[in-house]
Amino acid sequence: MAEAAEISQLTAKEWLHVLEGLGIVYLLQPYSNNELKRLAKTPKLYFCDTGLCAHLSMWLTRDMLLNGAVSGHYFENFVVMELVKHFTYARKRANLTYYRDANAKEIDLLIERDNLLHPLKIKKSANPDRWEVKKYEFLDKTSLERGCGGIVCMCEQVTPIDGKNCFIPCNLF
């Protein structure tokens, strides 16, 4: 990001902290655990207001946001921020992180609550590939306790995938 803006990394970090402090962006931290090696260490950036993000990036029409090249990113941004808001005001707090390793295994959102990890993929589709949840199995090979998870998508109703996972409609958020 610093390179693209032709500024130093230190300046970029300072600007990012200002944006985060003003509530314009949210930095989702990577999951860290001694058992899981070769993890990504860079936070993922989300805009707290997807409307502002769309305006700044000149994605100004409904059709562009629904069908454009980055529509999946806007959808993921929306879902993550709705969950951030939910857990900010919930009685029981949760730790929200993401997981990515050097082998390109990625879990868009890990919700850590009551000593359980709840893995979520986020897909802008009404019928995403159910095999996406197979990526969660590596968590079972650790001492981490995995709770229920699933795929947040544009389906109409909660639909079981297997004993621990389901398709979760985004309109529940």
Protein backbone atom coordinates (compact mmCIF):
# COMPACT_ATOMS: atom_id res chain seq x y z
CA MET A 1 0.00 0.00 0.00
CA ALA A 2 2.84 2.38 0.87
CA GLU A 3 4.51 1.66 -2.45
CA ALA A 4 1.34 2.38 -4.44
CA ALA A 5 0.90 5.72 -2.63
CA GLU A 6 4.61 6.48 -2.98
CA ILE A 7 5.05 7.05 0.76
CA SER A 8 7.18 5.34 3.39
CA GLN A 9 5.85 2.29 5.23
CA LEU A 10 6.00 4.23 8.50
CA THR A 11 3.82 7.01 7.08
CA ALA A 12 1.36 4.46 5.67
CA LYS A 13 1.10 2.77 9.08
CA GLU A 14 0.50 6.11 10.79
CA TRP A 15 -2.23 7.02 8.30
CA LEU A 16 -3.80 3.59 8.73
CA HIS A 17 -3.87 4.04 12.52
CA VAL A 18 -5.59 7.40 12.06
CA LEU A 19 -8.21 5.84 9.75
CA GLU A 20 -8.73 3.00 12.21
CA GLY A 21 -9.05 5.43 15.13
CA LEU A 22 -11.66 7.45 13.23
CA GLY A 23 -13.69 4.29 12.58
CA ILE A 24 -13.22 4.47 8.82
CA VAL A 25 -11.36 1.17 8.47
CA TYR A 26 -11.20 -2.01 10.52
CA LEU A 27 -8.15 -4.24 10.64
CA LEU A 28 -8.99 -7.93 11.06
CA GLN A 29 -5.99 -9.52 12.72
CA PRO A 30 -4.65 -12.92 11.61
CA TYR A 31 -5.16 -15.88 13.89
CA SER A 32 -2.05 -16.80 15.82
CA ASN A 33 -1.33 -20.07 17.55
CA ASN A 34 1.89 -21.94 18.27
CA GLU A 35 0.47 -25.18 16.85
CA LEU A 36 -0.29 -23.72 13.44
CA LYS A 37 2.87 -22.84 11.55
CA ARG A 38 3.57 -20.55 8.58
CA LEU A 39 0.66 -18.22 9.19
CA ALA A 40 0.01 -14.88 7.53
CA LYS A 41 0.91 -12.00 9.79
CA THR A 42 -0.64 -9.06 7.95
CA PRO A 43 -4.10 -7.86 9.01
CA LYS A 44 -6.92 -7.67 6.44
CA LEU A 45 -8.37 -4.22 5.87
CA TYR A 46 -12.12 -3.63 5.76
CA PHE A 47 -14.04 -0.39 5.38
CA CYS A 48 -16.50 0.22 8.21
CA ASP A 49 -18.85 1.88 5.70
CA THR A 50 -19.15 -0.03 2.42
CA GLY A 51 -20.98 2.93 0.88
CA LEU A 52 -17.94 5.15 1.50
CA CYS A 53 -15.70 2.43 0.09
CA ALA A 54 -17.83 2.16 -3.06
CA HIS A 55 -17.87 5.94 -3.51
CA LEU A 56 -14.09 6.28 -3.08
CA SER A 57 -13.41 3.46 -5.54
CA MET A 58 -15.97 4.84 -8.04
CA TRP A 59 -18.22 1.76 -7.93
CA LEU A 60 -21.29 3.95 -7.92
CA THR A 61 -24.17 1.85 -9.25
CA ARG A 62 -26.07 -1.04 -7.77
CA ASP A 63 -25.26 -3.22 -10.81
CA MET A 64 -21.53 -2.56 -10.48
CA LEU A 65 -21.62 -3.57 -6.82
CA LEU A 66 -23.69 -6.70 -7.46
CA ASN A 67 -22.00 -7.93 -10.63
CA GLY A 68 -18.65 -6.15 -10.91
CA ALA A 69 -15.22 -7.70 -10.66
CA VAL A 70 -14.86 -6.93 -6.96
CA SER A 71 -18.43 -7.62 -5.87
CA GLY A 72 -17.24 -10.58 -3.78
CA HIS A 73 -14.89 -8.29 -1.86
CA TYR A 74 -17.70 -5.85 -1.10
CA PHE A 75 -19.88 -8.75 0.04
CA GLU A 76 -17.13 -10.08 2.32
CA ASN A 77 -16.58 -6.55 3.69
CA PHE A 78 -20.31 -6.26 4.46
CA VAL A 79 -20.51 -9.62 6.26
CA VAL A 80 -17.34 -9.05 8.32
CA MET A 81 -18.44 -5.59 9.41
CA GLU A 82 -21.92 -6.81 10.37
CA LEU A 83 -20.32 -9.46 12.60
CA VAL A 84 -17.89 -6.92 14.06
CA LYS A 85 -20.85 -4.68 14.96
CA HIS A 86 -22.79 -7.60 16.38
CA PHE A 87 -20.01 -8.75 18.70
CA THR A 88 -19.11 -5.18 19.68
CA TYR A 89 -22.54 -4.77 21.24
CA ALA A 90 -23.20 -8.37 22.31
CA ARG A 91 -23.25 -9.36 25.96
CA LYS A 92 -20.67 -12.05 25.31
CA ARG A 93 -17.58 -10.91 23.48
CA ALA A 94 -15.83 -12.89 20.78
CA ASN A 95 -12.40 -12.64 19.22
CA LEU A 96 -12.62 -12.22 15.43
CA THR A 97 -9.62 -13.18 13.30
CA TYR A 98 -8.88 -14.81 9.96
CA TYR A 99 -6.58 -17.68 8.99
CA ARG A 100 -4.25 -17.97 6.03
CA ASP A 101 -1.15 -20.13 5.71
CA ALA A 102 1.64 -20.54 3.18
CA ASN A 103 -0.27 -23.40 1.49
CA ALA A 104 -3.09 -21.01 0.51
CA LYS A 105 -5.49 -22.46 3.07
CA GLU A 106 -7.72 -19.58 4.08
CA ILE A 107 -10.64 -19.19 6.43
CA ASP A 108 -12.26 -15.78 5.98
CA LEU A 109 -13.35 -15.46 9.59
CA LEU A 110 -12.60 -17.33 12.80
CA ILE A 111 -14.92 -16.52 15.67
CA GLU A 112 -13.31 -17.52 18.97
CA ARG A 113 -15.85 -17.71 21.77
CA ASP A 114 -16.14 -19.88 24.88
CA ASN A 115 -12.87 -21.66 23.98
CA LEU A 116 -14.29 -22.76 20.63
CA LEU A 117 -13.24 -21.73 17.13
CA HIS A 118 -16.12 -21.22 14.70
CA PRO A 119 -14.77 -21.10 11.11
CA LEU A 120 -16.64 -19.20 8.40
CA LYS A 121 -16.09 -18.81 4.67
CA ILE A 122 -17.86 -15.94 2.94
CA LYS A 123 -19.08 -16.49 -0.63
CA LYS A 124 -21.22 -14.20 -2.76
CA SER A 125 -23.24 -17.02 -4.22
CA ALA A 126 -26.64 -18.56 -3.54
CA ASN A 127 -25.17 -22.05 -3.97
CA PRO A 128 -21.46 -22.12 -3.04
CA ASP A 129 -19.34 -25.26 -3.23
CA ARG A 130 -20.06 -27.29 -0.10
CA TRP A 131 -16.54 -28.72 -0.18
CA GLU A 132 -15.20 -25.38 1.04
CA VAL A 133 -15.81 -26.63 4.59
CA LYS A 134 -13.21 -29.39 4.06
CA LYS A 135 -10.65 -26.62 4.59
CA TYR A 136 -11.69 -26.55 8.25
CA GLU A 137 -10.50 -30.13 8.91
CA PHE A 138 -6.91 -29.10 9.63
CA LEU A 139 -8.23 -27.47 12.82
CA ASP A 140 -9.26 -30.93 14.06
CA LYS A 141 -5.62 -32.10 13.94
CA THR A 142 -4.67 -29.57 16.63
CA SER A 143 -5.63 -29.30 20.26
CA LEU A 144 -8.01 -26.49 19.31
CA GLU A 145 -11.67 -27.20 19.87
CA ARG A 146 -13.71 -26.52 16.75
CA GLY A 147 -17.31 -25.45 17.10
CA CYS A 148 -19.96 -25.13 14.43
CA GLY A 149 -19.12 -23.16 11.33
CA GLY A 150 -20.18 -22.85 7.76
CA ILE A 151 -20.39 -20.72 4.68
CA VAL A 152 -22.09 -17.33 4.80
CA CYS A 153 -23.74 -16.87 1.43
CA MET A 154 -26.80 -15.58 -0.38
CA CYS A 155 -28.92 -18.67 0.23
CA GLU A 156 -32.53 -18.31 1.45
CA GLN A 157 -32.39 -20.41 4.63
CA VAL A 158 -29.95 -22.17 6.93
CA THR A 159 -29.08 -25.47 5.25
CA PRO A 160 -26.95 -28.18 6.88
CA ILE A 161 -23.81 -29.27 5.05
CA ASP A 162 -22.60 -31.83 7.58
CA GLY A 163 -22.68 -32.37 11.35
CA LYS A 164 -20.75 -29.19 12.17
CA ASN A 165 -21.33 -26.85 9.23
CA CYS A 166 -24.16 -25.21 7.33
CA PHE A 167 -24.91 -22.64 4.68
CA ILE A 168 -25.82 -19.43 6.51
CA PRO A 169 -27.92 -16.76 4.78
CA CYS A 170 -26.30 -13.33 4.89
CA ASN A 171 -29.64 -11.74 5.69
CA LEU A 172 -29.40 -13.17 9.21
CA PHE A 173 -26.85 -10.51 10.06
